[in-house]
């Protein structure tokens, strides 16, 4: 990590410290934020290292972060006086170029409740939020090398880093003589009771928009129904979906030290990126995760998304199936170019992605900690396959075949069609529609729509129904309608199938359509 004269690390190594771990963040009743850091009173050490780690992104080279963290964190009094050596460390670490008085600024930044320091805490929280599985005491510290968790690096960091170098480039470097290669096999998908999805993207990229639109209602490649809110606000089916809207954007300080944000795909003033950042990061403290999902979907699917990113935010906030109307506050957040805290947080989260996001890999989808390119075109299958067997939602098993039958229940051809489905019928679906654990075993859905040639007229202000084929009083049509539509809310599709087949195949069906409905209900599978 010793720097060259030009300022970069001599051997092409970048080390990023993300100092949050198992710390906690809570909202007080008055709306202020309370940080509780592990073994760190007032979060002084955590805040100082956050100041060092995130400040380097704009102001100095990566090796500076490395040596400052090592110097401060290795002092004998680090846990009792975290700020005690920050100034002396700043003056003694190997640096190029040198940053005079930088230690004084870091000392101020690390102090209790310093606003700049707390902003950097928010950035390291955002980066830590993306980890899978969740950070725990057992995994602290967690080391990731080139995108892979490396538990050996806790005790043999140099060896594991050198193994990540190509073997033919180790001679003449501090890695000379170290043998071995890193694990480059395809990572095994991780199954979990709760599925965690992260999407790193540039919001106005057409590929990103296409991916977001996968999740429109009734698209069998998306997960709209999986993110339906449960009774307690969380998504009903144990899924956490996080959008990280930064992608290929850049943040560079100008001559006065002010950060300048540039977002790709014609996102002028970063309005679209900032809006989605406001939605994505604000949900962490203000509302449930599914709100983020539906708000991103609603805003990005409008025809005017690329030309007027804020055009639908008010309407979307009113219409999403959720808890609050936050449209005005989100619009204000997106327009506020002087407050880019949420952009900084999505930048921090994107910084840890390896390899870096490019035009080719934008958007990038990670499911349960593993990059998944198949999810770009079939998100539903990849999410459903990430559940353990016991936790896999029934809605994951949507029918492979859907049959719809439009008919007049007393029509002889319709009756013949129904009768072919009785048990033992060679041309029917009886065996394919048998249930297993409450759902159709073979993923077939058959919907009967009993109306056919019937008519409805308005006579003296009253609806009069006339059903075809001498269905007096529409009894046969009505009972099949009761069966067909009632199953939607009360029972499974196979129940509808067997009830229609049982009632419609009886010899007295046309003369007494209600005659066998009770016995059928008691005998069908």
Protein backbone atom coordinates (compact mmCIF):
# COMPACT_ATOMS: atom_id res chain seq x y z
CA UNK A 1 0.00 0.00 0.00
CA UNK A 2 3.05 2.34 0.05
CA UNK A 3 2.28 5.12 -2.44
CA UNK A 4 4.06 6.11 -5.61
CA UNK A 5 5.14 9.69 -6.06
CA UNK A 6 1.97 10.24 -8.12
CA UNK A 7 -0.13 9.42 -5.10
CA UNK A 8 -1.58 6.03 -6.00
CA UNK A 9 -0.74 2.80 -4.19
CA UNK A 10 2.37 1.29 -5.78
CA UNK A 11 0.97 -2.17 -6.51
CA UNK A 12 -2.60 -1.60 -7.66
CA UNK A 13 -4.31 -2.58 -4.40
CA UNK A 14 -7.38 -0.74 -3.16
CA UNK A 15 -8.49 -1.29 0.43
CA UNK A 16 -11.82 0.11 1.56
CA UNK A 17 -12.74 0.13 5.22
CA UNK A 18 -16.49 0.19 5.99
CA UNK A 19 -16.68 0.94 9.73
CA UNK A 20 -20.18 0.12 10.93
CA UNK A 21 -20.37 -3.60 11.72
CA UNK A 22 -23.04 -4.46 14.28
CA UNK A 23 -23.76 -0.87 15.29
CA UNK A 24 -27.36 0.32 15.46
CA UNK A 25 -29.26 3.36 14.19
CA UNK A 26 -32.61 4.39 15.67
CA UNK A 27 -35.05 7.26 15.23
CA UNK A 28 -35.92 9.08 18.45
CA UNK A 29 -39.52 10.23 19.09
CA UNK A 30 -38.48 13.79 18.22
CA UNK A 31 -37.15 12.65 14.83
CA UNK A 32 -33.46 12.88 15.73
CA UNK A 33 -31.18 9.93 15.05
CA UNK A 34 -29.49 7.88 17.74
CA UNK A 35 -26.34 5.91 16.90
CA UNK A 36 -25.26 3.07 19.16
CA UNK A 37 -21.86 1.65 18.23
CA UNK A 38 -20.48 -1.68 19.39
CA UNK A 39 -17.99 -1.24 22.26
CA UNK A 40 -17.68 2.43 21.26
CA UNK A 41 -19.11 5.09 23.59
CA UNK A 42 -20.52 8.04 21.63
CA UNK A 43 -19.43 6.25 18.42
CA UNK A 44 -16.17 8.24 18.45
CA UNK A 45 -14.02 5.52 16.91
CA UNK A 46 -16.68 4.46 14.42
CA UNK A 47 -17.31 8.05 13.38
CA UNK A 48 -13.60 8.83 13.04
CA UNK A 49 -12.98 5.83 10.79
CA UNK A 50 -16.09 6.72 8.78
CA UNK A 51 -14.67 10.23 8.31
CA UNK A 52 -11.37 8.74 7.16
CA UNK A 53 -12.92 6.08 4.93
CA UNK A 54 -15.53 8.16 3.14
CA UNK A 55 -13.61 11.44 2.99
CA UNK A 56 -10.89 9.80 0.92
CA UNK A 57 -13.38 9.30 -1.92
CA UNK A 58 -13.31 13.03 -2.67
CA UNK A 59 -10.18 14.44 -1.12
CA UNK A 60 -7.27 12.01 -1.22
CA UNK A 61 -5.88 8.65 -2.32
CA UNK A 62 -6.98 5.24 -1.11
CA UNK A 63 -3.66 4.44 0.55
CA UNK A 64 -4.20 7.47 2.82
CA UNK A 65 -7.37 5.84 4.18
CA UNK A 66 -5.47 2.59 4.72
CA UNK A 67 -2.58 4.09 6.68
CA UNK A 68 -4.81 6.39 8.74
CA UNK A 69 -7.06 3.52 9.81
CA UNK A 70 -4.06 1.31 10.59
CA UNK A 71 -2.26 4.03 12.54
CA UNK A 72 -5.24 5.13 14.63
CA UNK A 73 -6.69 1.67 15.16
CA UNK A 74 -3.41 0.08 16.27
CA UNK A 75 -2.68 2.56 19.08
CA UNK A 76 -2.65 1.15 22.60
CA UNK A 77 -5.31 3.62 23.75
CA UNK A 78 -7.54 3.27 20.69
CA UNK A 79 -10.59 1.91 22.54
CA UNK A 80 -10.32 4.39 25.41
CA UNK A 81 -9.31 7.52 23.48
CA UNK A 82 -10.10 7.05 19.77
CA UNK A 83 -9.27 10.63 18.79
CA UNK A 84 -6.04 10.77 20.77
CA UNK A 85 -3.60 10.01 17.93
CA UNK A 86 -5.44 11.22 14.86
CA UNK A 87 -3.33 14.38 14.45
CA UNK A 88 0.01 12.65 15.05
CA UNK A 89 -0.99 9.83 12.66
CA UNK A 90 -1.86 12.35 9.98
CA UNK A 91 1.64 13.83 10.30
CA UNK A 92 3.58 10.56 10.27
CA UNK A 93 1.94 8.09 7.86
CA UNK A 94 3.59 7.45 4.46
CA UNK A 95 1.69 9.74 2.16
CA UNK A 96 1.95 11.23 -1.29
CA UNK A 97 0.96 13.95 -1.55
CA UNK A 98 0.93 15.12 2.05
CA UNK A 99 -2.25 16.67 3.45
CA UNK A 100 -1.30 19.39 5.97
CA UNK A 101 -3.78 20.01 8.80
CA UNK A 102 -5.88 17.07 7.66
CA UNK A 103 -5.61 15.52 11.13
CA UNK A 104 -7.28 18.56 12.70
CA UNK A 105 -10.21 18.23 10.31
CA UNK A 106 -10.56 14.52 11.05
CA UNK A 107 -10.41 15.18 14.79
CA UNK A 108 -13.34 17.60 14.46
CA UNK A 109 -15.23 15.27 12.12
CA UNK A 110 -14.97 12.36 14.56
CA UNK A 111 -16.34 14.18 17.59
CA UNK A 112 -19.69 13.34 19.15
CA UNK A 113 -22.65 14.27 16.94
CA UNK A 114 -20.54 16.19 14.43
CA UNK A 115 -22.85 16.72 11.45
CA UNK A 116 -20.21 15.86 8.84
CA UNK A 117 -19.19 12.80 10.80
CA UNK A 118 -22.78 11.63 11.11
CA UNK A 119 -23.24 12.07 7.35
CA UNK A 120 -20.28 9.73 6.84
CA UNK A 121 -21.87 7.29 9.31
CA UNK A 122 -24.94 7.29 7.07
CA UNK A 123 -22.72 6.42 4.10
CA UNK A 124 -21.10 3.44 5.81
CA UNK A 125 -24.54 2.28 6.97
CA UNK A 126 -25.68 2.36 3.34
CA UNK A 127 -22.69 0.26 2.30
CA UNK A 128 -23.23 -2.22 5.13
CA UNK A 129 -26.94 -2.53 4.32
CA UNK A 130 -26.05 -4.32 1.10
CA UNK A 131 -24.27 -7.22 2.81
CA UNK A 132 -25.67 -10.75 2.67
CA UNK A 133 -26.09 -12.46 5.02
CA UNK A 134 -26.71 -9.79 7.60
CA UNK A 135 -23.62 -8.65 9.50
CA UNK A 136 -23.20 -10.40 12.85
CA UNK A 137 -20.79 -10.52 15.76
CA UNK A 138 -19.47 -13.82 14.39
CA UNK A 139 -18.60 -12.27 11.02
CA UNK A 140 -16.98 -9.11 12.42
CA UNK A 141 -14.64 -8.20 10.75
CA UNK A 142 -15.82 -9.36 7.33
CA UNK A 143 -13.19 -9.26 4.57
CA UNK A 144 -14.17 -9.34 0.90
CA UNK A 145 -11.49 -9.65 -1.80
CA UNK A 146 -12.53 -9.05 -5.41
CA UNK A 147 -16.16 -9.59 -4.54
CA UNK A 148 -15.78 -12.77 -2.47
CA UNK A 149 -15.89 -13.25 1.28
CA UNK A 150 -12.46 -14.47 2.41
CA UNK A 151 -12.35 -15.76 5.99
CA UNK A 152 -8.66 -16.71 5.68
CA UNK A 153 -7.80 -13.04 5.20
CA UNK A 154 -8.57 -12.26 8.84
CA UNK A 155 -5.30 -13.93 9.83
CA UNK A 156 -3.40 -14.03 6.50
CA UNK A 157 -4.39 -10.84 4.71
CA UNK A 158 -1.21 -10.42 2.66
CA UNK A 159 -1.24 -14.02 1.47
CA UNK A 160 -4.87 -13.85 0.36
CA UNK A 161 -4.40 -10.50 -1.39
CA UNK A 162 -1.29 -11.75 -3.18
CA UNK A 163 -3.16 -14.86 -4.32
CA UNK A 164 -5.57 -12.52 -6.07
CA UNK A 165 -2.69 -11.22 -8.20
CA UNK A 166 -1.97 -13.08 -11.46
CA UNK A 167 0.97 -15.40 -10.70
CA UNK A 168 3.11 -13.93 -13.50
CA UNK A 169 2.85 -10.44 -11.99
CA UNK A 170 4.08 -11.28 -8.49
CA UNK A 171 7.82 -11.30 -9.19
CA UNK A 172 9.51 -8.07 -8.15
CA UNK A 173 6.66 -7.16 -5.80
CA UNK A 174 6.09 -7.86 -2.09
CA UNK A 175 4.03 -10.85 -3.32
CA UNK A 176 7.08 -12.60 -4.78
CA UNK A 177 7.32 -16.17 -3.49
CA UNK A 178 3.67 -16.43 -2.46
CA UNK A 179 1.92 -19.22 -4.33
CA UNK A 180 -1.70 -20.21 -4.77
CA UNK A 181 -4.70 -18.87 -6.61
CA UNK A 182 -7.99 -17.36 -5.45
CA UNK A 183 -11.30 -19.19 -5.71
CA UNK A 184 -12.75 -18.32 -9.12
CA UNK A 185 -15.51 -20.93 -9.31
CA UNK A 186 -19.05 -19.76 -9.87
CA UNK A 187 -20.56 -19.02 -6.47
CA UNK A 188 -23.28 -21.39 -5.33
CA UNK A 189 -26.70 -19.73 -5.01
CA UNK A 190 -27.56 -19.25 -1.36
CA UNK A 191 -30.98 -20.48 -0.24
CA UNK A 192 -32.68 -18.55 2.54
CA UNK A 193 -36.01 -18.16 4.31
CA UNK A 194 -35.74 -14.44 3.51
CA UNK A 195 -34.56 -13.45 0.04
CA UNK A 196 -32.48 -10.29 -0.28
CA UNK A 197 -32.26 -8.57 -3.67
CA UNK A 198 -30.08 -5.58 -4.55
CA UNK A 199 -30.24 -3.72 -7.85
CA UNK A 200 -27.37 -1.37 -8.70
CA UNK A 201 -28.42 0.81 -11.62
CA UNK A 202 -28.46 4.12 -13.46
CA UNK A 203 -32.13 5.13 -13.26
CA UNK A 204 -32.45 6.60 -16.76
CA UNK A 205 -30.59 3.77 -18.50
CA UNK A 206 -32.99 2.02 -20.88
CA UNK A 207 -31.79 -1.38 -19.69
CA UNK A 208 -32.54 -0.34 -16.12
CA UNK A 209 -35.99 0.92 -17.09
CA UNK A 210 -36.71 -2.35 -18.89
CA UNK A 211 -35.68 -4.29 -15.80
CA UNK A 212 -37.84 -2.18 -13.49
CA UNK A 213 -40.80 -2.66 -15.83
CA UNK A 214 -40.50 -6.44 -15.44
CA UNK A 215 -42.26 -5.87 -12.14
CA UNK A 216 -45.49 -4.43 -13.49
CA UNK A 217 -48.63 -6.14 -12.24
CA UNK A 218 -49.36 -9.55 -13.83
CA UNK A 219 -46.00 -9.80 -15.62
CA UNK A 220 -44.94 -13.40 -15.01
CA UNK A 221 -41.26 -12.42 -15.13
CA UNK A 222 -41.54 -9.94 -12.25
CA UNK A 223 -42.29 -10.05 -8.53
CA UNK A 224 -45.10 -7.52 -8.09
CA UNK A 225 -47.24 -9.95 -6.07
CA UNK A 226 -44.27 -11.10 -3.96
CA UNK A 227 -43.81 -7.55 -2.64
CA UNK A 228 -47.45 -7.22 -1.57
CA UNK A 229 -47.51 -5.72 1.94
CA UNK A 230 -48.30 -8.11 4.77
CA UNK A 231 -50.50 -7.41 7.76
CA UNK A 232 -47.67 -5.73 9.70
CA UNK A 233 -46.28 -3.54 6.92
CA UNK A 234 -43.42 -5.74 5.73
CA UNK A 235 -43.56 -7.55 2.41
CA UNK A 236 -45.84 -10.57 2.80
CA UNK A 237 -43.42 -13.16 1.48
CA UNK A 238 -40.14 -12.45 3.32
CA UNK A 239 -38.34 -10.59 0.59
CA UNK A 240 -36.21 -7.47 0.95
CA UNK A 241 -35.73 -5.54 -2.26
CA UNK A 242 -33.23 -2.68 -2.34
CA UNK A 243 -32.63 -0.32 -5.23
CA UNK A 244 -29.20 1.37 -5.21
CA UNK A 245 -29.53 4.19 -7.77
CA UNK A 246 -26.04 5.36 -8.64
CA UNK A 247 -24.72 3.07 -11.33
CA UNK A 248 -22.31 4.97 -13.58
CA UNK A 249 -22.78 8.40 -12.01
CA UNK A 250 -19.72 10.33 -10.80
CA UNK A 251 -18.92 12.69 -7.94
CA UNK A 252 -15.89 14.97 -8.34
CA UNK A 253 -14.91 18.02 -6.23
CA UNK A 254 -14.52 21.27 -8.11
CA UNK A 255 -11.79 23.87 -7.53
CA UNK A 256 -13.60 25.15 -4.44
CA UNK A 257 -13.95 21.66 -2.98
CA UNK A 258 -17.69 21.40 -3.68
CA UNK A 259 -18.87 18.03 -4.97
CA UNK A 260 -20.18 18.03 -8.53
CA UNK A 261 -22.54 15.16 -9.43
CA UNK A 262 -22.86 13.97 -13.02
CA UNK A 263 -25.45 11.32 -13.85
CA UNK A 264 -25.52 9.34 -17.12
CA UNK A 265 -28.18 8.90 -19.80
CA UNK A 266 -29.12 12.58 -19.94
CA UNK A 267 -30.17 12.80 -16.30
CA UNK A 268 -29.84 16.60 -16.09
CA UNK A 269 -29.10 17.81 -12.56
CA UNK A 270 -29.35 14.14 -11.52
CA UNK A 271 -33.09 14.60 -10.92
CA UNK A 272 -34.03 10.99 -11.69
CA UNK A 273 -31.10 9.55 -9.78
CA UNK A 274 -31.68 11.84 -6.81
CA UNK A 275 -35.41 11.04 -6.75
CA UNK A 276 -34.77 7.30 -6.65
CA UNK A 277 -32.04 7.83 -4.05
CA UNK A 278 -34.53 9.79 -1.93
CA UNK A 279 -37.03 6.94 -2.28
CA UNK A 280 -34.49 4.17 -1.69
CA UNK A 281 -32.62 5.56 1.30
CA UNK A 282 -35.53 7.35 2.96
CA UNK A 283 -37.36 4.03 3.32
CA UNK A 284 -34.66 2.90 5.75
CA UNK A 285 -36.01 5.22 8.43
CA UNK A 286 -39.46 6.34 7.31
CA UNK A 287 -41.35 3.37 5.93
CA UNK A 288 -41.34 -0.25 4.80
CA UNK A 289 -39.22 -1.77 2.07
CA UNK A 290 -42.11 -2.55 -0.26
CA UNK A 291 -42.87 1.19 -0.50
CA UNK A 292 -39.49 1.72 -2.14
CA UNK A 293 -40.21 -1.09 -4.62
CA UNK A 294 -43.60 0.23 -5.74
CA UNK A 295 -42.53 3.89 -5.85
CA UNK A 296 -39.51 3.14 -8.05
CA UNK A 297 -41.71 1.02 -10.33
CA UNK A 298 -44.46 3.61 -10.61
CA UNK A 299 -42.18 6.57 -11.32
CA UNK A 300 -39.97 4.78 -13.86
CA UNK A 301 -42.76 3.17 -15.90
CA UNK A 302 -44.30 6.47 -16.99
CA UNK A 303 -43.78 7.57 -20.60
CA UNK A 304 -42.30 10.84 -19.36
CA UNK A 305 -39.74 9.28 -16.98
CA UNK A 306 -36.69 10.26 -19.04
CA UNK A 307 -37.92 13.73 -19.99
CA UNK A 308 -39.59 14.69 -16.70
CA UNK A 309 -38.45 12.38 -13.88
CA UNK A 310 -40.54 14.19 -11.26
CA UNK A 311 -43.68 14.25 -13.39
CA UNK A 312 -45.46 11.32 -11.73
CA UNK A 313 -44.06 11.28 -8.21
CA UNK A 314 -47.09 12.98 -6.63
CA UNK A 315 -49.56 10.69 -8.40
CA UNK A 316 -47.48 7.60 -7.63
CA UNK A 317 -47.28 8.40 -3.93
CA UNK A 318 -51.07 8.64 -3.80
CA UNK A 319 -51.67 5.44 -5.72
CA UNK A 320 -49.18 2.89 -4.45
CA UNK A 321 -50.68 0.33 -2.06
CA UNK A 322 -48.96 1.70 0.97
CA UNK A 323 -48.89 3.64 4.19
CA UNK A 324 -48.43 7.30 3.43
CA UNK A 325 -48.58 10.02 0.82
CA UNK A 326 -44.97 11.19 0.68
CA UNK A 327 -45.04 12.64 -2.84
CA UNK A 328 -44.45 16.30 -1.91
CA UNK A 329 -41.52 15.47 0.38
CA UNK A 330 -39.94 13.22 -2.25
CA UNK A 331 -40.33 15.90 -4.92
CA UNK A 332 -38.71 18.47 -2.63
CA UNK A 333 -35.90 16.03 -1.80
CA UNK A 334 -35.16 15.41 -5.49
CA UNK A 335 -35.09 19.11 -6.34
CA UNK A 336 -32.74 20.03 -3.48
CA UNK A 337 -29.37 20.10 -5.24
CA UNK A 338 -27.75 21.46 -2.07
CA UNK A 339 -28.53 18.34 -0.06
CA UNK A 340 -27.13 15.24 -1.73
CA UNK A 341 -26.91 13.01 1.33
CA UNK A 342 -28.93 10.24 -0.30
CA UNK A 343 -26.79 10.36 -3.45
CA UNK A 344 -23.72 10.07 -1.23
CA UNK A 345 -25.24 7.02 0.45
CA UNK A 346 -26.02 5.22 -2.81
CA UNK A 347 -22.51 6.10 -4.01
CA UNK A 348 -21.08 4.53 -0.84
CA UNK A 349 -23.11 1.37 -1.37
CA UNK A 350 -22.05 1.16 -5.03
CA UNK A 351 -18.37 1.66 -4.13
CA UNK A 352 -18.19 -1.85 -2.68
CA UNK A 353 -19.41 -3.61 -5.85
CA UNK A 354 -16.75 -5.64 -7.63
CA UNK A 355 -16.04 -5.32 -10.47
CA UNK A 356 -17.15 -1.73 -10.91
CA UNK A 357 -20.40 -1.12 -12.78
CA UNK A 358 -20.00 -0.37 -16.48
CA UNK A 359 -22.38 0.23 -19.37
CA UNK A 360 -22.35 -3.52 -19.97
CA UNK A 361 -23.19 -4.50 -16.38
CA UNK A 362 -25.74 -1.73 -15.68
CA UNK A 363 -28.11 -2.75 -14.10
CA UNK A 364 -26.46 -5.31 -11.85
CA UNK A 365 -28.66 -7.65 -9.77
CA UNK A 366 -27.46 -9.49 -6.67
CA UNK A 367 -29.67 -12.13 -5.00
CA UNK A 368 -28.65 -13.45 -1.59
CA UNK A 369 -25.12 -12.17 -2.08
CA UNK A 370 -24.55 -13.65 -5.55
CA UNK A 371 -24.61 -11.75 -8.84
CA UNK A 372 -27.43 -13.07 -11.02
CA UNK A 373 -27.58 -12.01 -14.67
CA UNK A 374 -30.53 -14.32 -15.41
CA UNK A 375 -32.63 -12.11 -13.15
CA UNK A 376 -32.38 -9.28 -15.69
CA UNK A 377 -34.96 -11.04 -17.87
CA UNK A 378 -36.69 -13.41 -15.43
CA UNK A 379 -36.48 -11.96 -11.94
CA UNK A 380 -39.36 -14.05 -10.63
CA UNK A 381 -37.75 -17.42 -11.31
CA UNK A 382 -34.43 -16.40 -9.79
CA UNK A 383 -36.02 -14.93 -6.65
CA UNK A 384 -38.31 -17.92 -6.16
CA UNK A 385 -35.37 -20.31 -6.58
CA UNK A 386 -33.53 -18.48 -3.79
CA UNK A 387 -36.06 -19.49 -1.13
CA UNK A 388 -35.59 -22.64 0.92
CA UNK A 389 -38.19 -25.29 0.18
CA UNK A 390 -40.14 -24.64 3.36
CA UNK A 391 -40.29 -20.87 2.88
CA UNK A 392 -40.99 -20.82 -0.87
CA UNK A 393 -44.28 -18.91 -1.32
CA UNK A 394 -47.13 -20.65 -3.09
CA UNK A 395 -47.38 -17.68 -5.48
CA UNK A 396 -43.99 -18.71 -6.86
CA UNK A 397 -45.66 -21.72 -8.43
CA UNK A 398 -47.82 -19.93 -10.93
CA UNK A 399 -49.58 -22.19 -13.47
CA UNK A 400 -47.58 -23.38 -16.42
CA UNK A 401 -50.81 -23.73 -18.44
CA UNK A 402 -53.95 -21.64 -18.12
CA UNK A 403 -57.20 -22.85 -19.71
CA UNK A 404 -60.29 -20.66 -20.03
CA UNK A 405 -63.64 -22.12 -21.04
CA UNK A 406 -66.40 -19.74 -22.15
CA UNK A 407 -69.69 -21.63 -22.42
CA UNK A 408 -73.46 -21.83 -21.96
CA UNK A 409 -73.90 -24.42 -19.18
CA UNK A 410 -76.95 -26.13 -20.76
CA UNK A 411 -75.51 -26.24 -24.27
CA UNK A 412 -75.16 -29.89 -25.31
CA UNK A 413 -71.69 -29.37 -26.77
CA UNK A 414 -70.60 -27.66 -23.53
CA UNK A 415 -71.95 -30.59 -21.49
CA UNK A 416 -70.07 -33.06 -23.70
CA UNK A 417 -66.91 -31.00 -23.18
CA UNK A 418 -67.40 -31.04 -19.40
CA UNK A 419 -68.13 -34.78 -19.30
CA UNK A 420 -64.83 -35.68 -20.95
CA UNK A 421 -63.16 -34.52 -17.71
CA UNK A 422 -64.80 -37.12 -15.43
CA UNK A 423 -62.51 -39.57 -13.64
CA UNK A 424 -61.08 -42.08 -16.10
CA UNK A 425 -61.83 -39.93 -19.14
CA UNK A 426 -59.03 -40.46 -21.65
CA UNK A 427 -59.30 -36.99 -23.18
CA UNK A 428 -59.94 -34.95 -20.04
CA UNK A 429 -57.91 -33.31 -17.29
CA UNK A 430 -59.07 -35.18 -14.17
CA UNK A 431 -55.68 -36.62 -13.24
CA UNK A 432 -53.82 -33.40 -14.14
CA UNK A 433 -56.06 -31.33 -11.84
CA UNK A 434 -55.64 -33.47 -8.72
CA UNK A 435 -54.51 -31.37 -5.75
CA UNK A 436 -51.36 -31.64 -3.69
CA UNK A 437 -50.99 -29.70 -0.42
CA UNK A 438 -53.90 -27.47 -1.38
CA UNK A 439 -52.77 -26.44 -4.86
CA UNK A 440 -53.02 -28.10 -8.25
CA UNK A 441 -50.24 -30.67 -8.41
CA UNK A 442 -49.30 -30.06 -12.03
CA UNK A 443 -49.55 -26.25 -12.18
CA UNK A 444 -52.59 -26.09 -14.45
CA UNK A 445 -55.29 -23.48 -13.97
CA UNK A 446 -58.72 -24.03 -15.52
CA UNK A 447 -61.20 -21.16 -15.38
CA UNK A 448 -64.82 -21.73 -16.34
CA UNK A 449 -66.69 -18.64 -17.53
CA UNK A 450 -70.39 -19.62 -17.59
CA UNK A 451 -72.28 -17.06 -19.65
CA UNK A 452 -72.03 -17.99 -23.29
CA UNK A 453 -75.17 -16.94 -25.18
CA UNK A 454 -77.04 -15.58 -22.18
CA UNK A 455 -78.42 -12.05 -22.24
CA UNK A 456 -79.02 -9.23 -19.79
CA UNK A 457 -81.58 -6.49 -20.39
CA UNK A 458 -82.79 -3.53 -18.40
CA UNK A 459 -86.58 -3.74 -17.99
CA UNK A 460 -88.33 -1.05 -15.98
CA UNK A 461 -85.10 -0.26 -14.17
CA UNK A 462 -84.39 -3.87 -13.28
CA UNK A 463 -81.81 -6.23 -14.78
CA UNK A 464 -83.43 -9.26 -16.40
CA UNK A 465 -81.25 -12.29 -17.20
CA UNK A 466 -82.16 -14.77 -19.94
CA UNK A 467 -79.95 -17.85 -20.18
CA UNK A 468 -79.59 -20.04 -23.26
CA UNK A 469 -80.79 -23.59 -23.88
CA UNK A 470 -83.84 -23.44 -21.62
CA UNK A 471 -81.92 -22.66 -18.45
CA UNK A 472 -85.05 -21.47 -16.62
CA UNK A 473 -84.33 -18.78 -14.06
CA UNK A 474 -80.65 -19.16 -15.06
CA UNK A 475 -80.21 -21.73 -12.27
CA UNK A 476 -77.49 -23.71 -14.05
CA UNK A 477 -75.64 -20.63 -15.24
CA UNK A 478 -75.89 -19.04 -11.82
CA UNK A 479 -74.64 -22.07 -9.87
CA UNK A 480 -71.62 -22.44 -12.16
CA UNK A 481 -70.96 -18.70 -11.81
CA UNK A 482 -71.09 -19.10 -8.02
CA UNK A 483 -68.60 -21.97 -8.24
CA UNK A 484 -66.29 -20.23 -10.70
CA UNK A 485 -66.09 -16.84 -9.08
CA UNK A 486 -66.26 -17.90 -5.44
CA UNK A 487 -63.07 -19.95 -5.80
CA UNK A 488 -61.13 -16.74 -6.46
CA UNK A 489 -61.40 -15.67 -2.84
CA UNK A 490 -62.31 -18.78 -0.85
CA UNK A 491 -60.58 -21.85 -2.25
CA UNK A 492 -58.23 -23.34 -4.82
CA UNK A 493 -58.70 -23.53 -8.58
CA UNK A 494 -58.98 -27.33 -8.62
CA UNK A 495 -62.11 -27.03 -6.45
CA UNK A 496 -63.83 -25.04 -9.20
CA UNK A 497 -62.81 -27.61 -11.79
CA UNK A 498 -64.12 -30.65 -9.93
CA UNK A 499 -67.35 -28.94 -8.85
CA UNK A 500 -68.18 -27.89 -12.43
CA UNK A 501 -67.36 -31.38 -13.74
CA UNK A 502 -69.35 -33.15 -11.03
CA UNK A 503 -72.49 -31.01 -11.31
CA UNK A 504 -72.41 -30.63 -15.09
CA UNK A 505 -71.93 -34.34 -15.83
CA UNK A 506 -74.95 -35.63 -13.88
CA UNK A 507 -77.89 -36.99 -15.86
CA UNK A 508 -80.33 -34.55 -14.23
CA UNK A 509 -78.14 -31.49 -14.79
CA UNK A 510 -80.52 -29.77 -17.25
CA UNK A 511 -83.71 -30.64 -15.35
CA UNK A 512 -82.47 -30.05 -11.80
CA UNK A 513 -79.19 -28.10 -11.86
CA UNK A 514 -79.06 -27.74 -8.08
CA UNK A 515 -79.87 -31.39 -7.43
CA UNK A 516 -76.32 -32.65 -6.93
CA UNK A 517 -74.45 -29.59 -5.73
CA UNK A 518 -74.34 -30.68 -2.07
CA UNK A 519 -73.35 -34.29 -2.79
CA UNK A 520 -70.69 -33.09 -5.24
CA UNK A 521 -69.26 -30.76 -2.62
CA UNK A 522 -68.90 -33.72 -0.24
CA UNK A 523 -67.32 -36.14 -2.71
CA UNK A 524 -64.96 -34.27 -5.05
CA UNK A 525 -61.18 -34.61 -4.53
